[in-house]
N, C-alpha and C. Protein backbone atom coordinates (compact mmCIF):
# COMPACT_ATOMS: atom_id res chain seq x y z
N UNK A 1 347.63 23.11 182.39
CA UNK A 1 348.37 22.97 183.90
C UNK A 1 349.71 22.97 184.27
N UNK A 2 350.47 23.64 184.90
CA UNK A 2 351.68 23.46 185.40
C UNK A 2 352.40 22.47 186.00
N UNK A 3 351.56 21.96 186.50
CA UNK A 3 351.87 20.40 186.98
C UNK A 3 351.92 19.36 186.13
N UNK A 4 351.19 19.32 184.96
CA UNK A 4 351.24 18.56 184.27
C UNK A 4 352.81 18.70 183.64
N UNK A 5 352.83 19.87 183.05
CA UNK A 5 354.11 20.48 182.06
C UNK A 5 355.37 19.50 183.24
N UNK A 6 355.44 19.52 184.26
CA UNK A 6 356.63 19.59 185.46
C UNK A 6 356.67 17.55 185.40
N UNK A 7 355.28 17.35 185.32
CA UNK A 7 355.57 15.81 185.27
C UNK A 7 355.71 14.87 184.11
N UNK A 8 355.49 15.77 183.06
CA UNK A 8 356.16 15.20 181.45
C UNK A 8 357.74 15.49 181.77
N UNK A 9 358.13 16.47 182.05
CA UNK A 9 359.47 17.03 182.16
C UNK A 9 360.43 15.63 183.17
N UNK A 10 359.34 15.89 184.41
CA UNK A 10 360.41 14.34 185.07
C UNK A 10 360.46 13.33 184.49
N UNK A 11 359.21 12.83 183.84
CA UNK A 11 359.01 11.86 183.13
C UNK A 11 360.21 11.33 182.45
N UNK A 12 360.53 12.39 181.43
CA UNK A 12 361.53 12.13 180.36
C UNK A 12 362.53 12.08 181.13
N UNK A 13 363.08 13.01 181.75
CA UNK A 13 364.58 12.85 183.08
C UNK A 13 364.92 11.44 183.40
N UNK A 14 363.93 10.78 184.29
CA UNK A 14 363.81 9.90 184.24
C UNK A 14 364.08 8.64 183.40
N UNK A 15 363.30 8.41 182.26
CA UNK A 15 364.01 7.46 181.14
C UNK A 15 364.75 7.81 180.35
N UNK A 16 365.80 8.75 180.74
CA UNK A 16 367.02 9.43 180.26
C UNK A 16 367.94 8.88 181.07
N UNK A 17 367.58 9.00 182.65
CA UNK A 17 368.56 8.63 183.31
C UNK A 17 368.57 6.83 182.96
N UNK A 18 367.91 6.27 183.08
CA UNK A 18 367.45 4.69 183.21
C UNK A 18 368.02 4.27 181.58
N UNK A 19 367.78 5.08 181.03
CA UNK A 19 368.48 4.33 179.41
C UNK A 19 370.05 4.68 180.11
N UNK A 20 370.66 5.11 180.49
CA UNK A 20 372.44 5.52 180.45
C UNK A 20 372.90 4.94 181.63
N UNK A 21 372.14 4.88 182.65
CA UNK A 21 372.57 3.95 183.86
C UNK A 21 371.47 3.72 185.12
N UNK A 22 370.71 2.07 184.74
CA UNK A 22 369.75 2.22 185.00
C UNK A 22 369.31 1.86 186.82
N UNK A 23 370.53 1.58 186.93
CA UNK A 23 371.27 0.58 187.93
C UNK A 23 370.90 1.70 189.12
N UNK A 24 371.53 3.14 188.73
CA UNK A 24 371.71 4.17 189.81
C UNK A 24 370.45 4.38 190.38
N UNK A 25 369.47 4.44 189.57
CA UNK A 25 367.84 4.95 190.13
C UNK A 25 367.12 3.71 190.88
N UNK A 26 366.47 4.23 191.82
CA UNK A 26 365.88 2.62 192.05
C UNK A 26 364.34 3.12 191.52
């Protein structure tokens, strides 16, 4: 399902952002 693919992509992006500068994202 496309929804699952989108969720996985978003998950990866969130993890990447948290790794670089976790304080910008809430």
